[in-house]
């Protein structure tokens, strides 16, 4: 009986440490927006040869509890993503949980000169249940790409976030 109690105590402690580490890694909308702007600047300079970094866990584009991914709206494809199965996937075929064409919404939002926030429902990496995600998208200057990163269950609406874009 003592071994079982020790096991559950150890398990509970590990779970608590993991949850605390995860909670401390959550990023806010300002950090997402700055990272997307940095990614756009990086890809503007690097072009196609810079895409691979966005496919690798542990790269500078994976931060906190989120990551930057890259669209090529002109070619209707996902240019780079942590989920390898999405790379080269046809954007017009990607639906969120509520059957919204989320990539097409992101492409339309990328036409805004300073970027734009879009809301959709998508699972966290490694999960299957979709959650509310708000993503900031920005066109990469001089390249055929758009960069995107988002946060789950933000306390702000997309309208509030888009009002803050200056």
C-alpha atoms as a PDB file:
ATOM      1  CA  UNK A   1       0.000   0.000   0.000  1.00  0.00           C
ATOM      2  CA  UNK A   2       2.872   2.360   0.810  1.00  0.00           C
ATOM      3  CA  UNK A   3       4.318   1.904  -2.722  1.00  0.00           C
ATOM      4  CA  UNK A   4       1.022   2.845  -4.325  1.00  0.00           C
ATOM      5  CA  UNK A   5       0.756   6.001  -2.204  1.00  0.00           C
ATOM      6  CA  UNK A   6       4.337   6.918  -3.114  1.00  0.00           C
ATOM      7  CA  UNK A   7       3.559   6.367  -6.790  1.00  0.00           C
ATOM      8  CA  UNK A   8       0.465   8.607  -6.713  1.00  0.00           C
ATOM      9  CA  UNK A   9       2.304  11.270  -4.717  1.00  0.00           C
ATOM     10  CA  UNK A  10       5.176  11.213  -7.231  1.00  0.00           C
ATOM     11  CA  UNK A  11       2.737  11.266 -10.152  1.00  0.00           C
ATOM     12  CA  UNK A  12       0.813  14.205  -8.637  1.00  0.00           C
ATOM     13  CA  UNK A  13       4.051  16.125  -8.025  1.00  0.00           C
ATOM     14  CA  UNK A  14       5.260  15.577 -11.593  1.00  0.00           C
ATOM     15  CA  UNK A  15       1.874  16.622 -12.974  1.00  0.00           C
ATOM     16  CA  UNK A  16       1.896  19.752 -10.825  1.00  0.00           C
ATOM     17  CA  UNK A  17       5.413  20.695 -11.981  1.00  0.00           C
ATOM     18  CA  UNK A  18       4.475  20.069 -15.625  1.00  0.00           C
ATOM     19  CA  UNK A  19       1.282  22.129 -15.335  1.00  0.00           C
ATOM     20  CA  UNK A  20       3.146  24.996 -13.633  1.00  0.00           C
ATOM     21  CA  UNK A  21       5.834  24.985 -16.333  1.00  0.00           C
ATOM     22  CA  UNK A  22       3.190  24.986 -19.049  1.00  0.00           C
ATOM     23  CA  UNK A  23       1.194  27.770 -17.399  1.00  0.00           C
ATOM     24  CA  UNK A  24       4.334  29.895 -17.085  1.00  0.00           C
ATOM     25  CA  UNK A  25       5.034  29.487 -20.808  1.00  0.00           C
ATOM     26  CA  UNK A  26       1.780  31.066 -21.983  1.00  0.00           C
ATOM     27  CA  UNK A  27       2.352  34.064 -24.182  1.00  0.00           C
ATOM     28  CA  UNK A  28       0.211  37.134 -24.660  1.00  0.00           C
ATOM     29  CA  UNK A  29      -1.071  38.840 -27.729  1.00  0.00           C
ATOM     30  CA  UNK A  30       1.706  41.489 -27.724  1.00  0.00           C
ATOM     31  CA  UNK A  31       4.374  38.795 -27.766  1.00  0.00           C
ATOM     32  CA  UNK A  32       2.570  36.949 -30.575  1.00  0.00           C
ATOM     33  CA  UNK A  33       2.331  40.106 -32.649  1.00  0.00           C
ATOM     34  CA  UNK A  34       6.023  40.950 -32.142  1.00  0.00           C
ATOM     35  CA  UNK A  35       7.108  37.404 -33.012  1.00  0.00           C
ATOM     36  CA  UNK A  36       5.013  37.427 -36.199  1.00  0.00           C
ATOM     37  CA  UNK A  37       6.530  40.779 -37.169  1.00  0.00           C
ATOM     38  CA  UNK A  38      10.026  39.364 -36.556  1.00  0.00           C
ATOM     39  CA  UNK A  39       9.165  36.264 -38.619  1.00  0.00           C
ATOM     40  CA  UNK A  40       7.959  38.466 -41.493  1.00  0.00           C
ATOM     41  CA  UNK A  41      11.211  40.444 -41.390  1.00  0.00           C
ATOM     42  CA  UNK A  42      13.257  37.213 -41.295  1.00  0.00           C
ATOM     43  CA  UNK A  43      11.428  35.653 -44.258  1.00  0.00           C
ATOM     44  CA  UNK A  44      11.535  38.936 -46.162  1.00  0.00           C
ATOM     45  CA  UNK A  45      15.319  38.641 -46.051  1.00  0.00           C
ATOM     46  CA  UNK A  46      15.722  34.847 -46.252  1.00  0.00           C
ATOM     47  CA  UNK A  47      12.918  33.935 -48.632  1.00  0.00           C
ATOM     48  CA  UNK A  48      12.253  30.267 -49.367  1.00  0.00           C
ATOM     49  CA  UNK A  49      15.493  29.083 -47.756  1.00  0.00           C
ATOM     50  CA  UNK A  50      14.212  30.372 -44.395  1.00  0.00           C
ATOM     51  CA  UNK A  51      11.064  28.229 -44.400  1.00  0.00           C
ATOM     52  CA  UNK A  52      12.653  25.117 -42.851  1.00  0.00           C
ATOM     53  CA  UNK A  53      13.130  26.845 -39.483  1.00  0.00           C
ATOM     54  CA  UNK A  54       9.354  27.074 -39.117  1.00  0.00           C
ATOM     55  CA  UNK A  55       9.026  23.269 -39.354  1.00  0.00           C
ATOM     56  CA  UNK A  56      11.358  22.519 -36.431  1.00  0.00           C
ATOM     57  CA  UNK A  57      10.376  22.273 -32.784  1.00  0.00           C
ATOM     58  CA  UNK A  58      12.951  24.203 -30.761  1.00  0.00           C
ATOM     59  CA  UNK A  59      13.493  26.875 -33.415  1.00  0.00           C
ATOM     60  CA  UNK A  60      13.133  30.557 -32.505  1.00  0.00           C
ATOM     61  CA  UNK A  61       9.645  30.446 -34.039  1.00  0.00           C
ATOM     62  CA  UNK A  62       8.358  28.026 -31.398  1.00  0.00           C
ATOM     63  CA  UNK A  63       7.870  30.057 -28.238  1.00  0.00           C
ATOM     64  CA  UNK A  64       5.933  29.667 -25.011  1.00  0.00           C
ATOM     65  CA  UNK A  65       2.822  27.660 -25.819  1.00  0.00           C
ATOM     66  CA  UNK A  66       2.607  28.664 -29.478  1.00  0.00           C
ATOM     67  CA  UNK A  67       4.497  28.784 -32.777  1.00  0.00           C
ATOM     68  CA  UNK A  68       4.690  30.678 -36.069  1.00  0.00           C
ATOM     69  CA  UNK A  69       3.550  28.984 -39.263  1.00  0.00           C
ATOM     70  CA  UNK A  70       3.752  30.158 -42.855  1.00  0.00           C
ATOM     71  CA  UNK A  71       1.121  30.331 -45.588  1.00  0.00           C
ATOM     72  CA  UNK A  72       1.547  30.862 -49.296  1.00  0.00           C
ATOM     73  CA  UNK A  73      -1.880  32.246 -50.135  1.00  0.00           C
ATOM     74  CA  UNK A  74      -1.018  32.897 -53.795  1.00  0.00           C
ATOM     75  CA  UNK A  75      -0.243  29.177 -54.260  1.00  0.00           C
ATOM     76  CA  UNK A  76      -3.090  28.050 -51.942  1.00  0.00           C
ATOM     77  CA  UNK A  77      -0.741  26.005 -49.752  1.00  0.00           C
ATOM     78  CA  UNK A  78       0.722  25.759 -46.286  1.00  0.00           C
ATOM     79  CA  UNK A  79       4.385  26.699 -46.774  1.00  0.00           C
ATOM     80  CA  UNK A  80       5.739  25.724 -43.347  1.00  0.00           C
ATOM     81  CA  UNK A  81       4.247  24.266 -40.151  1.00  0.00           C
ATOM     82  CA  UNK A  82       5.258  22.256 -37.085  1.00  0.00           C
ATOM     83  CA  UNK A  83       2.662  19.633 -38.020  1.00  0.00           C
ATOM     84  CA  UNK A  84       4.524  18.217 -41.004  1.00  0.00           C
ATOM     85  CA  UNK A  85       1.378  16.718 -42.558  1.00  0.00           C
ATOM     86  CA  UNK A  86       0.089  20.263 -43.148  1.00  0.00           C
ATOM     87  CA  UNK A  87       3.082  21.352 -45.262  1.00  0.00           C
ATOM     88  CA  UNK A  88       1.978  21.815 -48.904  1.00  0.00           C
ATOM     89  CA  UNK A  89      -1.609  21.135 -47.841  1.00  0.00           C
ATOM     90  CA  UNK A  90      -4.160  23.028 -49.919  1.00  0.00           C
ATOM     91  CA  UNK A  91      -5.323  26.019 -47.848  1.00  0.00           C
ATOM     92  CA  UNK A  92      -8.773  26.061 -49.400  1.00  0.00           C
ATOM     93  CA  UNK A  93      -9.331  22.566 -47.947  1.00  0.00           C
ATOM     94  CA  UNK A  94      -8.520  23.487 -44.326  1.00  0.00           C
ATOM     95  CA  UNK A  95     -11.605  23.869 -42.164  1.00  0.00           C
ATOM     96  CA  UNK A  96     -11.780  24.597 -38.457  1.00  0.00           C
ATOM     97  CA  UNK A  97     -14.051  22.773 -36.013  1.00  0.00           C
ATOM     98  CA  UNK A  98     -17.077  24.782 -37.192  1.00  0.00           C
ATOM     99  CA  UNK A  99     -16.310  24.262 -40.899  1.00  0.00           C
ATOM    100  CA  UNK A 100     -14.974  27.792 -41.410  1.00  0.00           C
ATOM    101  CA  UNK A 101     -12.324  28.093 -44.115  1.00  0.00           C
ATOM    102  CA  UNK A 102      -9.789  29.388 -41.623  1.00  0.00           C
ATOM    103  CA  UNK A 103      -6.788  29.604 -43.950  1.00  0.00           C
ATOM    104  CA  UNK A 104      -8.786  31.622 -46.456  1.00  0.00           C
ATOM    105  CA  UNK A 105      -9.834  33.962 -43.634  1.00  0.00           C
ATOM    106  CA  UNK A 106      -6.173  34.289 -42.652  1.00  0.00           C
ATOM    107  CA  UNK A 107      -5.210  35.043 -46.270  1.00  0.00           C
ATOM    108  CA  UNK A 108      -7.870  37.740 -46.515  1.00  0.00           C
ATOM    109  CA  UNK A 109      -6.730  39.263 -43.204  1.00  0.00           C
ATOM    110  CA  UNK A 110      -3.096  39.308 -44.368  1.00  0.00           C
ATOM    111  CA  UNK A 111      -4.058  41.930 -46.946  1.00  0.00           C
ATOM    112  CA  UNK A 112      -4.300  44.491 -44.143  1.00  0.00           C
ATOM    113  CA  UNK A 113      -1.080  46.562 -44.236  1.00  0.00           C
ATOM    114  CA  UNK A 114      -0.298  46.159 -40.526  1.00  0.00           C
ATOM    115  CA  UNK A 115      -1.650  42.636 -40.153  1.00  0.00           C
ATOM    116  CA  UNK A 116      -4.890  41.473 -38.571  1.00  0.00           C
ATOM    117  CA  UNK A 117      -6.250  39.111 -35.914  1.00  0.00           C
ATOM    118  CA  UNK A 118      -8.549  36.218 -36.874  1.00  0.00           C
ATOM    119  CA  UNK A 119     -10.573  33.878 -34.629  1.00  0.00           C
ATOM    120  CA  UNK A 120     -11.073  30.172 -35.340  1.00  0.00           C
ATOM    121  CA  UNK A 121     -11.257  26.788 -33.588  1.00  0.00           C
ATOM    122  CA  UNK A 122      -8.176  24.550 -33.753  1.00  0.00           C
ATOM    123  CA  UNK A 123      -6.579  21.899 -31.496  1.00  0.00           C
ATOM    124  CA  UNK A 124      -3.465  22.667 -29.502  1.00  0.00           C
ATOM    125  CA  UNK A 125      -0.381  20.774 -30.720  1.00  0.00           C
ATOM    126  CA  UNK A 126      -0.648  17.147 -29.643  1.00  0.00           C
ATOM    127  CA  UNK A 127      -4.369  17.432 -28.817  1.00  0.00           C
ATOM    128  CA  UNK A 128      -7.497  16.519 -30.759  1.00  0.00           C
ATOM    129  CA  UNK A 129     -10.158  18.757 -29.185  1.00  0.00           C
ATOM    130  CA  UNK A 130     -10.466  22.150 -30.883  1.00  0.00           C
ATOM    131  CA  UNK A 131     -10.284  25.317 -28.800  1.00  0.00           C
ATOM    132  CA  UNK A 132     -10.828  28.977 -29.571  1.00  0.00           C
ATOM    133  CA  UNK A 133      -7.653  30.350 -31.130  1.00  0.00           C
ATOM    134  CA  UNK A 134      -6.956  33.956 -32.062  1.00  0.00           C
ATOM    135  CA  UNK A 135      -4.118  34.382 -34.545  1.00  0.00           C
ATOM    136  CA  UNK A 136      -2.264  37.382 -35.869  1.00  0.00           C
ATOM    137  CA  UNK A 137      -1.366  37.231 -39.573  1.00  0.00           C
ATOM    138  CA  UNK A 138       0.981  39.474 -41.533  1.00  0.00           C
ATOM    139  CA  UNK A 139       2.106  39.532 -45.171  1.00  0.00           C
ATOM    140  CA  UNK A 140       5.855  39.039 -45.684  1.00  0.00           C
ATOM    141  CA  UNK A 141       7.198  42.019 -47.651  1.00  0.00           C
ATOM    142  CA  UNK A 142       8.708  41.088 -51.008  1.00  0.00           C
ATOM    143  CA  UNK A 143       7.866  37.385 -50.657  1.00  0.00           C
ATOM    144  CA  UNK A 144       4.841  35.227 -51.492  1.00  0.00           C
ATOM    145  CA  UNK A 145       4.295  34.313 -47.820  1.00  0.00           C
ATOM    146  CA  UNK A 146       2.099  35.228 -44.887  1.00  0.00           C
ATOM    147  CA  UNK A 147       3.181  34.458 -41.302  1.00  0.00           C
ATOM    148  CA  UNK A 148       0.786  33.514 -38.521  1.00  0.00           C
ATOM    149  CA  UNK A 149       0.890  32.758 -34.789  1.00  0.00           C
ATOM    150  CA  UNK A 150      -1.881  32.618 -32.238  1.00  0.00           C
ATOM    151  CA  UNK A 151      -3.042  32.136 -28.698  1.00  0.00           C
ATOM    152  CA  UNK A 152      -5.773  29.926 -27.289  1.00  0.00           C
ATOM    153  CA  UNK A 153      -8.694  31.292 -25.269  1.00  0.00           C
ATOM    154  CA  UNK A 154      -7.534  34.884 -25.227  1.00  0.00           C
ATOM    155  CA  UNK A 155      -9.491  37.141 -22.916  1.00  0.00           C
ATOM    156  CA  UNK A 156      -9.797  39.673 -25.744  1.00  0.00           C
ATOM    157  CA  UNK A 157     -12.034  39.632 -28.781  1.00  0.00           C
ATOM    158  CA  UNK A 158     -10.636  39.948 -32.286  1.00  0.00           C
ATOM    159  CA  UNK A 159     -12.334  43.330 -32.502  1.00  0.00           C
ATOM    160  CA  UNK A 160     -10.459  44.557 -29.412  1.00  0.00           C
ATOM    161  CA  UNK A 161      -7.160  43.250 -30.732  1.00  0.00           C
ATOM    162  CA  UNK A 162      -7.671  44.712 -34.201  1.00  0.00           C
ATOM    163  CA  UNK A 163      -8.508  48.084 -32.636  1.00  0.00           C
ATOM    164  CA  UNK A 164      -5.093  48.028 -30.945  1.00  0.00           C
ATOM    165  CA  UNK A 165      -3.144  47.578 -34.199  1.00  0.00           C
ATOM    166  CA  UNK A 166      -1.440  50.885 -34.914  1.00  0.00           C
END
